[in-house]
C-alpha atoms as a PDB file:
ATOM      1  CA  MET A   1     207.395-107.065  62.230  1.00  0.00           C
ATOM      2  CA  ARG A   2     210.270-109.086  60.773  1.00  0.00           C
ATOM      3  CA  GLY A   3     209.730-111.827  63.752  1.00  0.00           C
ATOM      4  CA  TRP A   4     205.669-111.898  63.358  1.00  0.00           C
ATOM      5  CA  MET A   5     206.218-112.643  59.541  1.00  0.00           C
ATOM      6  CA  MET A   6     208.727-115.571  60.495  1.00  0.00           C
ATOM      7  CA  GLY A   7     206.222-116.925  62.795  1.00  0.00           C
ATOM      8  CA  ALA A   8     203.533-117.075  60.131  1.00  0.00           C
ATOM      9  CA  ALA A   9     205.623-118.504  57.980  1.00  0.00           C
ATOM     10  CA  PHE A  10     206.565-121.387  60.110  1.00  0.00           C
ATOM     11  CA  ALA A  11     203.060-121.793  61.187  1.00  0.00           C
ATOM     12  CA  ALA A  12     201.962-122.330  57.250  1.00  0.00           C
ATOM     13  CA  ALA A  13     204.829-124.756  56.811  1.00  0.00           C
ATOM     14  CA  ALA A  14     204.185-126.723  59.598  1.00  0.00           C
ATOM     15  CA  ALA A  15     200.411-127.093  58.936  1.00  0.00           C
ATOM     16  CA  THR A  16     201.638-127.898  55.260  1.00  0.00           C
ATOM     17  CA  ALA A  17     203.564-130.879  56.609  1.00  0.00           C
ATOM     18  CA  GLY A  18     200.852-131.843  59.068  1.00  0.00           C
ATOM     19  CA  ILE A  19     202.788-130.650  61.959  1.00  0.00           C
ATOM     20  CA  ALA A  20     200.647-129.742  65.061  1.00  0.00           C
ATOM     21  CA  ILE A  21     201.487-126.853  66.948  1.00  0.00           C
ATOM     22  CA  ALA A  22     200.203-125.793  70.460  1.00  0.00           C
ATOM     23  CA  GLN A  23     197.575-123.487  70.471  1.00  0.00           C
ATOM     24  CA  PRO A  24     197.149-120.880  73.459  1.00  0.00           C
ATOM     25  CA  PRO A  25     193.986-121.723  75.876  1.00  0.00           C
ATOM     26  CA  ALA A  26     190.833-120.600  75.165  1.00  0.00           C
ATOM     27  CA  ALA A  27     189.792-117.392  77.182  1.00  0.00           C
ATOM     28  CA  PRO A  28     187.264-118.270  79.561  1.00  0.00           C
ATOM     29  CA  PRO A  29     183.566-117.395  78.583  1.00  0.00           C
ATOM     30  CA  ALA A  30     182.799-113.746  79.430  1.00  0.00           C
ATOM     31  CA  ILE A  31     180.662-113.691  82.888  1.00  0.00           C
ATOM     32  CA  PRO A  32     176.989-112.393  82.170  1.00  0.00           C
ATOM     33  CA  PRO A  33     176.822-108.990  83.304  1.00  0.00           C
ATOM     34  CA  GLY A  34     174.073-108.266  86.160  1.00  0.00           C
ATOM     35  CA  TYR A  35     172.463-104.984  86.329  1.00  0.00           C
ATOM     36  CA  LEU A  36     174.388-102.963  89.290  1.00  0.00           C
ATOM     37  CA  SER A  37     176.819-100.357  87.975  1.00  0.00           C
ATOM     38  CA  ALA A  38     177.976-100.167  91.673  1.00  0.00           C
ATOM     39  CA  VAL A  39     177.685-102.939  93.732  1.00  0.00           C
ATOM     40  CA  PRO A  40     176.255-102.374  97.731  1.00  0.00           C
ATOM     41  CA  ASP A  41     178.634-103.323 100.445  1.00  0.00           C
ATOM     42  CA  PRO A  42     177.570-106.178 102.384  1.00  0.00           C
ATOM     43  CA  ALA A  43     179.746-105.144 105.457  1.00  0.00           C
ATOM     44  CA  ALA A  44     178.022-101.777 105.570  1.00  0.00           C
ATOM     45  CA  ILE A  45     174.371-103.310 105.304  1.00  0.00           C
ATOM     46  CA  LEU A  46     174.620-106.400 107.169  1.00  0.00           C
ATOM     47  CA  ARG A  47     175.115-107.072 110.890  1.00  0.00           C
ATOM     48  CA  PRO A  48     178.166-109.267 111.841  1.00  0.00           C
ATOM     49  CA  SER A  49     177.225-113.003 112.048  1.00  0.00           C
ATOM     50  CA  PRO A  50     176.411-114.375 115.439  1.00  0.00           C
ATOM     51  CA  ARG A  51     179.186-115.196 117.970  1.00  0.00           C
ATOM     52  CA  ASP A  52     179.264-118.629 119.052  1.00  0.00           C
ATOM     53  CA  GLY A  53     177.035-119.082 122.362  1.00  0.00           C
ATOM     54  CA  ASP A  54     175.905-115.320 121.941  1.00  0.00           C
ATOM     55  CA  ALA A  55     172.040-114.774 121.951  1.00  0.00           C
ATOM     56  CA  ARG A  56     171.903-114.953 117.970  1.00  0.00           C
ATOM     57  CA  ASP A  57     173.481-117.795 117.996  1.00  0.00           C
ATOM     58  CA  LEU A  58     171.392-119.864 120.529  1.00  0.00           C
ATOM     59  CA  GLU A  59     168.159-118.735 118.384  1.00  0.00           C
ATOM     60  CA  ASP A  60     169.975-120.449 115.417  1.00  0.00           C
ATOM     61  CA  LYS A  61     170.619-123.409 117.202  1.00  0.00           C
ATOM     62  CA  ARG A  62     167.025-123.681 118.406  1.00  0.00           C
ATOM     63  CA  VAL A  63     165.388-123.351 115.253  1.00  0.00           C
ATOM     64  CA  TYR A  64     167.815-125.784 113.636  1.00  0.00           C
ATOM     65  CA  GLU A  65     166.658-128.328 115.882  1.00  0.00           C
ATOM     66  CA  ALA A  66     163.077-127.609 115.601  1.00  0.00           C
ATOM     67  CA  ALA A  67     163.545-127.695 111.909  1.00  0.00           C
ATOM     68  CA  ARG A  68     164.761-131.402 112.255  1.00  0.00           C
ATOM     69  CA  LYS A  69     161.798-132.530 113.798  1.00  0.00           C
ATOM     70  CA  LEU A  70     159.721-131.784 110.036  1.00  0.00           C
ATOM     71  CA  GLU A  71     161.803-134.518 108.409  1.00  0.00           C
ATOM     72  CA  GLY A  72     159.385-136.411 106.462  1.00  0.00           C
ATOM     73  CA  GLY A  73     156.617-134.101 106.384  1.00  0.00           C
ATOM     74  CA  PRO A  74     155.190-131.532 103.763  1.00  0.00           C
ATOM     75  CA  ARG A  75     157.138-128.635 104.831  1.00  0.00           C
ATOM     76  CA  TRP A  76     160.774-130.970 104.627  1.00  0.00           C
ATOM     77  CA  ALA A  77     159.219-131.706 100.987  1.00  0.00           C
ATOM     78  CA  MET A  78     159.009-127.922  99.845  1.00  0.00           C
ATOM     79  CA  ALA A  79     162.449-127.465 101.517  1.00  0.00           C
ATOM     80  CA  GLN A  80     163.843-130.224  99.355  1.00  0.00           C
ATOM     81  CA  ALA A  81     161.771-129.039  96.251  1.00  0.00           C
ATOM     82  CA  ASP A  82     163.404-125.198  97.027  1.00  0.00           C
ATOM     83  CA  VAL A  83     166.951-126.694  96.844  1.00  0.00           C
ATOM     84  CA  PRO A  84     167.472-126.419  92.810  1.00  0.00           C
ATOM     85  CA  TYR A  85     168.408-122.786  91.756  1.00  0.00           C
ATOM     86  CA  GLY A  86     168.072-122.984  88.190  1.00  0.00           C
ATOM     87  CA  ILE A  87     166.233-120.019  86.399  1.00  0.00           C
ATOM     88  CA  ALA A  88     163.679-122.333  85.741  1.00  0.00           C
ATOM     89  CA  ASP A  89     163.424-123.698  89.602  1.00  0.00           C
ATOM     90  CA  GLN A  90     163.434-120.436  90.337  1.00  0.00           C
ATOM     91  CA  MET A  91     160.231-119.211  88.361  1.00  0.00           C
ATOM     92  CA  GLY A  92     158.278-122.211  88.843  1.00  0.00           C
ATOM     93  CA  GLY A  93     158.267-122.004  92.644  1.00  0.00           C
ATOM     94  CA  PHE A  94     156.412-118.798  92.461  1.00  0.00           C
ATOM     95  CA  SER A  95     153.650-120.253  89.750  1.00  0.00           C
ATOM     96  CA  CYS A  96     151.079-120.507  92.610  1.00  0.00           C
ATOM     97  CA  ALA A  97     151.657-117.065  93.903  1.00  0.00           C
ATOM     98  CA  VAL A  98     151.417-115.041  90.760  1.00  0.00           C
ATOM     99  CA  GLY A  99     148.658-117.014  89.683  1.00  0.00           C
ATOM    100  CA  ALA A 100     149.963-118.399  86.376  1.00  0.00           C
ATOM    101  CA  THR A 101     152.407-121.200  84.983  1.00  0.00           C
ATOM    102  CA  LEU A 102     155.812-119.662  85.060  1.00  0.00           C
ATOM    103  CA  THR A 103     158.585-121.235  82.809  1.00  0.00           C
ATOM    104  CA  PRO A 104     161.467-119.541  80.437  1.00  0.00           C
ATOM    105  CA  GLN A 105     159.349-120.444  77.514  1.00  0.00           C
ATOM    106  CA  THR A 106     155.883-118.795  78.960  1.00  0.00           C
ATOM    107  CA  ALA A 107     157.609-115.810  80.442  1.00  0.00           C
ATOM    108  CA  PRO A 108     161.216-115.393  78.398  1.00  0.00           C
ATOM    109  CA  LYS A 109     161.592-111.626  79.542  1.00  0.00           C
ATOM    110  CA  LEU A 110     160.986-112.767  83.212  1.00  0.00           C
ATOM    111  CA  ALA A 111     163.546-115.451  82.747  1.00  0.00           C
ATOM    112  CA  ALA A 112     166.251-112.724  81.080  1.00  0.00           C
ATOM    113  CA  LEU A 113     165.565-110.449  84.147  1.00  0.00           C
ATOM    114  CA  ILE A 114     166.479-113.334  86.637  1.00  0.00           C
ATOM    115  CA  GLY A 115     169.581-114.301  84.758  1.00  0.00           C
ATOM    116  CA  LYS A 116     170.826-111.014  85.277  1.00  0.00           C
ATOM    117  CA  THR A 117     169.428-110.403  88.825  1.00  0.00           C
ATOM    118  CA  SER A 118     171.101-114.065  89.917  1.00  0.00           C
ATOM    119  CA  MET A 119     174.764-112.272  88.675  1.00  0.00           C
ATOM    120  CA  ASP A 120     174.215-109.569  91.100  1.00  0.00           C
ATOM    121  CA  VAL A 121     173.334-112.205  93.481  1.00  0.00           C
ATOM    122  CA  GLY A 122     176.297-113.634  93.341  1.00  0.00           C
ATOM    123  CA  ARG A 123     178.270-110.763  93.567  1.00  0.00           C
ATOM    124  CA  LEU A 124     177.023-109.557  96.763  1.00  0.00           C
ATOM    125  CA  ASN A 125     176.683-112.901  98.350  1.00  0.00           C
ATOM    126  CA  GLY A 126     180.161-114.160  97.203  1.00  0.00           C
ATOM    127  CA  ALA A 127     181.791-110.773  98.967  1.00  0.00           C
ATOM    128  CA  ALA A 128     179.663-111.338 102.387  1.00  0.00           C
ATOM    129  CA  LYS A 129     180.241-114.991 102.814  1.00  0.00           C
ATOM    130  CA  ALA A 130     183.914-114.021 102.535  1.00  0.00           C
ATOM    131  CA  LEU A 131     183.645-111.650 105.237  1.00  0.00           C
ATOM    132  CA  TYR A 132     182.325-114.097 108.015  1.00  0.00           C
ATOM    133  CA  ASN A 133     183.371-117.574 106.957  1.00  0.00           C
ATOM    134  CA  ARG A 134     180.572-118.883 109.206  1.00  0.00           C
ATOM    135  CA  VAL A 135     180.215-122.812 108.829  1.00  0.00           C
ATOM    136  CA  ARG A 136     176.976-124.391 107.973  1.00  0.00           C
ATOM    137  CA  PRO A 137     174.809-125.504 110.953  1.00  0.00           C
ATOM    138  CA  TYR A 138     174.686-129.351 110.238  1.00  0.00           C
ATOM    139  CA  GLN A 139     178.998-128.896 110.634  1.00  0.00           C
ATOM    140  CA  ARG A 140     178.291-127.723 113.951  1.00  0.00           C
ATOM    141  CA  TRP A 141     175.410-129.525 115.469  1.00  0.00           C
ATOM    142  CA  GLY A 142     175.233-132.400 113.294  1.00  0.00           C
ATOM    143  CA  GLY A 143     171.538-134.168 112.369  1.00  0.00           C
ATOM    144  CA  THR A 144     169.919-134.682 108.679  1.00  0.00           C
ATOM    145  CA  ILE A 145     169.526-131.957 106.268  1.00  0.00           C
ATOM    146  CA  CYS A 146     167.552-131.989 103.144  1.00  0.00           C
ATOM    147  CA  THR A 147     169.831-132.622 100.499  1.00  0.00           C
ATOM    148  CA  PRO A 148     172.851-134.816 100.088  1.00  0.00           C
ATOM    149  CA  PRO A 149     176.113-133.366 101.505  1.00  0.00           C
ATOM    150  CA  SER A 150     178.715-133.043  99.595  1.00  0.00           C
ATOM    151  CA  PRO A 151     182.508-131.113  99.477  1.00  0.00           C
ATOM    152  CA  SER A 152     181.468-127.995  97.684  1.00  0.00           C
ATOM    153  CA  LEU A 153     178.341-127.392 100.311  1.00  0.00           C
ATOM    154  CA  ASP A 154     180.974-128.150 103.124  1.00  0.00           C
ATOM    155  CA  LYS A 155     183.367-125.753 101.869  1.00  0.00           C
ATOM    156  CA  SER A 156     180.988-123.166 101.069  1.00  0.00           C
ATOM    157  CA  TYR A 157     180.140-120.599 103.862  1.00  0.00           C
ATOM    158  CA  ASP A 158     176.308-120.170 106.222  1.00  0.00           C
ATOM    159  CA  TYR A 159     176.004-116.484 106.299  1.00  0.00           C
ATOM    160  CA  PRO A 160     174.557-115.090 104.690  1.00  0.00           C
ATOM    161  CA  SER A 161     172.316-117.423 102.558  1.00  0.00           C
ATOM    162  CA  GLY A 162     172.512-116.874  98.864  1.00  0.00           C
ATOM    163  CA  HIS A 163     169.356-119.252  98.499  1.00  0.00           C
ATOM    164  CA  ALA A 164     167.431-116.721 100.790  1.00  0.00           C
ATOM    165  CA  GLN A 165     168.915-113.888  98.653  1.00  0.00           C
ATOM    166  CA  LEU A 166     167.900-115.312  95.457  1.00  0.00           C
ATOM    167  CA  GLY A 167     164.223-116.225  96.496  1.00  0.00           C
ATOM    168  CA  TRP A 168     163.722-112.785  97.856  1.00  0.00           C
ATOM    169  CA  THR A 169     164.899-111.163  95.065  1.00  0.00           C
ATOM    170  CA  ASN A 170     162.494-112.661  92.696  1.00  0.00           C
ATOM    171  CA  ALA A 171     159.748-112.099  95.332  1.00  0.00           C
ATOM    172  CA  LEU A 172     160.155-108.286  95.184  1.00  0.00           C
ATOM    173  CA  VAL A 173     160.544-108.232  91.759  1.00  0.00           C
ATOM    174  CA  LEU A 174     157.026-110.177  90.968  1.00  0.00           C
ATOM    175  CA  ALA A 175     155.836-108.140  93.524  1.00  0.00           C
ATOM    176  CA  GLU A 176     156.059-105.314  91.286  1.00  0.00           C
ATOM    177  CA  ALA A 177     155.056-107.117  88.467  1.00  0.00           C
ATOM    178  CA  ALA A 178     151.887-108.306  89.731  1.00  0.00           C
ATOM    179  CA  PRO A 179     150.955-105.907  93.004  1.00  0.00           C
ATOM    180  CA  ASP A 180     147.421-107.267  92.961  1.00  0.00           C
ATOM    181  CA  ARG A 181     149.289-110.563  94.244  1.00  0.00           C
ATOM    182  CA  ALA A 182     151.955-109.094  96.399  1.00  0.00           C
ATOM    183  CA  SER A 183     150.858-110.918  99.754  1.00  0.00           C
ATOM    184  CA  GLN A 184     151.040-114.165  98.150  1.00  0.00           C
ATOM    185  CA  ILE A 185     154.123-113.669  96.471  1.00  0.00           C
ATOM    186  CA  LEU A 186     155.827-112.521  99.208  1.00  0.00           C
ATOM    187  CA  ALA A 187     154.593-114.975 101.336  1.00  0.00           C
ATOM    188  CA  ARG A 188     156.237-117.265  98.920  1.00  0.00           C
ATOM    189  CA  GLY A 189     159.467-115.928  98.955  1.00  0.00           C
ATOM    190  CA  ARG A 190     160.039-115.812 102.471  1.00  0.00           C
ATOM    191  CA  ALA A 191     159.043-119.217 102.646  1.00  0.00           C
ATOM    192  CA  PHE A 192     161.466-120.003 100.212  1.00  0.00           C
ATOM    193  CA  ALA A 193     164.097-118.257 101.946  1.00  0.00           C
ATOM    194  CA  GLU A 194     162.965-120.157 105.067  1.00  0.00           C
ATOM    195  CA  SER A 195     163.485-123.272 103.329  1.00  0.00           C
ATOM    196  CA  ARG A 196     167.149-122.969 103.724  1.00  0.00           C
ATOM    197  CA  ALA A 197     166.766-123.174 107.529  1.00  0.00           C
ATOM    198  CA  VAL A 198     164.382-126.041 107.040  1.00  0.00           C
ATOM    199  CA  CYS A 199     166.725-128.291 104.984  1.00  0.00           C
ATOM    200  CA  GLY A 200     169.515-127.410 107.463  1.00  0.00           C
ATOM    201  CA  VAL A 201     171.889-125.819 105.254  1.00  0.00           C
ATOM    202  CA  HIS A 202     171.835-122.299 106.566  1.00  0.00           C
ATOM    203  CA  THR A 203     170.925-120.911 109.862  1.00  0.00           C
ATOM    204  CA  LEU A 204     168.056-118.271 110.203  1.00  0.00           C
ATOM    205  CA  SER A 205     170.396-115.302 110.821  1.00  0.00           C
ATOM    206  CA  ALA A 206     172.066-116.352 107.669  1.00  0.00           C
ATOM    207  CA  VAL A 207     168.484-116.737 105.892  1.00  0.00           C
ATOM    208  CA  GLU A 208     167.512-113.037 107.097  1.00  0.00           C
ATOM    209  CA  ALA A 209     170.961-111.555 106.204  1.00  0.00           C
ATOM    210  CA  GLY A 210     170.273-113.073 102.613  1.00  0.00           C
ATOM    211  CA  MET A 211     166.933-111.550 102.875  1.00  0.00           C
ATOM    212  CA  LEU A 212     167.964-108.352 103.637  1.00  0.00           C
ATOM    213  CA  LEU A 213     170.956-108.182 100.702  1.00  0.00           C
ATOM    214  CA  ALA A 214     168.214-108.862  98.392  1.00  0.00           C
ATOM    215  CA  SER A 215     165.931-105.852  99.332  1.00  0.00           C
ATOM    216  CA  ALA A 216     169.612-103.929  99.175  1.00  0.00           C
ATOM    217  CA  GLN A 217     170.187-105.266  95.959  1.00  0.00           C
ATOM    218  CA  VAL A 218     166.690-104.547  94.217  1.00  0.00           C
ATOM    219  CA  ALA A 219     166.558-101.146  96.039  1.00  0.00           C
ATOM    220  CA  ALA A 220     169.830-100.107  93.923  1.00  0.00           C
ATOM    221  CA  ALA A 221     168.494-101.691  91.105  1.00  0.00           C
ATOM    222  CA  HIS A 222     165.685 -99.177  90.485  1.00  0.00           C
ATOM    223  CA  GLY A 223     168.373 -96.722  90.200  1.00  0.00           C
ATOM    224  CA  GLU A 224     169.713 -98.593  87.006  1.00  0.00           C
ATOM    225  CA  PRO A 225     167.833 -97.632  83.428  1.00  0.00           C
ATOM    226  CA  ALA A 226     168.041-101.324  82.121  1.00  0.00           C
ATOM    227  CA  PHE A 227     166.468-103.002  85.243  1.00  0.00           C
ATOM    228  CA  LYS A 228     163.563-100.634  85.403  1.00  0.00           C
ATOM    229  CA  ALA A 229     163.305-100.786  81.226  1.00  0.00           C
ATOM    230  CA  ASP A 230     163.190-104.998  82.130  1.00  0.00           C
ATOM    231  CA  LEU A 231     160.959-104.545  84.985  1.00  0.00           C
ATOM    232  CA  GLU A 232     157.700-103.225  83.043  1.00  0.00           C
ATOM    233  CA  ALA A 233     158.471-105.226  80.136  1.00  0.00           C
ATOM    234  CA  VAL A 234     158.085-108.058  82.358  1.00  0.00           C
ATOM    235  CA  ARG A 235     154.732-106.398  84.070  1.00  0.00           C
ATOM    236  CA  ALA A 236     153.436-106.431  80.651  1.00  0.00           C
ATOM    237  CA  GLU A 237     154.350-110.040  80.082  1.00  0.00           C
ATOM    238  CA  ILE A 238     152.785-111.232  83.457  1.00  0.00           C
ATOM    239  CA  ALA A 239     149.860-109.388  83.050  1.00  0.00           C
ATOM    240  CA  ALA A 240     149.196-110.885  79.455  1.00  0.00           C
ATOM    241  CA  LEU A 241     150.163-114.467  80.850  1.00  0.00           C
ATOM    242  CA  ARG A 242     147.719-114.204  83.897  1.00  0.00           C
ATOM    243  CA  ALA A 243     144.831-113.290  81.291  1.00  0.00           C
ATOM    244  CA  ASN A 244     145.362-115.860  78.594  1.00  0.00           C
ATOM    245  CA  GLY A 245     147.898-118.067  79.581  1.00  0.00           C
ATOM    246  CA  PRO A 246     148.276-121.583  81.089  1.00  0.00           C
ATOM    247  CA  LYS A 247     147.281-122.011  84.795  1.00  0.00           C
ATOM    248  CA  PRO A 248     149.226-123.709  87.847  1.00  0.00           C
ATOM    249  CA  GLU A 249     147.545-127.079  89.034  1.00  0.00           C
ATOM    250  CA  ALA A 250     144.889-126.165  91.518  1.00  0.00           C
ATOM    251  CA  ALA A 251     145.316-128.659  93.844  1.00  0.00           C
ATOM    252  CA  ALA A 252     148.993-128.381  93.893  1.00  0.00           C
ATOM    253  CA  CYS A 253     148.401-124.674  94.735  1.00  0.00           C
ATOM    254  CA  ALA A 254     146.025-125.394  97.623  1.00  0.00           C
ATOM    255  CA  ALA A 255     148.171-127.565  99.079  1.00  0.00           C
ATOM    256  CA  GLN A 256     151.548-125.106  99.127  1.00  0.00           C
ATOM    257  CA  ALA A 257     149.615-122.363 100.039  1.00  0.00           C
ATOM    258  CA  PRO A 258     149.380-123.121 104.207  1.00  0.00           C
ATOM    259  CA  LEU A 259     153.162-124.007 103.881  1.00  0.00           C
ATOM    260  CA  ASN A 260     154.062-120.889 102.952  1.00  0.00           C
ATOM    261  CA  SER A 261     153.493-119.688 106.795  1.00  0.00           C
ATOM    262  CA  SER A 262     156.359-119.512 109.009  1.00  0.00           C
ATOM    263  CA  ALA A 263     157.756-122.926 109.988  1.00  0.00           C
ATOM    264  CA  PHE A 264     159.463-121.360 113.009  1.00  0.00           C
END
């Protein structure tokens, strides 16, 4: 106690004298929580990543080389549009499939839900990538990718795809929120995931693994009361938005629809 009083007295005197005192560094901001109280084990869910030269690896290479031929076309442009993964980007990509303009402003409850499910994506995907340490396909096989390469991209791993996990998670959620549009929503979710293979930054096996992790994640989330309550609120929000809210541009949706078919 006496030492604390002396320290406090020194601090007061120093402040009066205009002496700057070094302050301890601020604590880093807390990471927002997701929904999952228990995170599924990726090692128990996923197949191991392909081995160099095995049948799955050869199929990955075939798809990678086929996708390089899409450069400059409309499917390549879709893959580029699917690269950003902010919440607004994730929502907007599903507007045509849902039949309503999805933004954080038009659907704030959906935006909040995606913010939390994205935290769970990170928890599962980071652990899974660390298990397999599989380098990205462009680093092995060369060729053009749809986004500028960067040191951070080079240093992160291929298997499983986090983008694919995000996209399929959102598709599963939205298919429950608007079940009459489930076919269109799930087709768009698969296309969003496959955009990573079109882009050349993930193998097809990594895309499929990301989608499987998303399915496990959403299944586990249904055991969480907070997720179920938020999903019901999103269901009501989407219904009201589809009835009375803004609609995406019809011509853009007509152009997007055929691109949702599998590229491979």
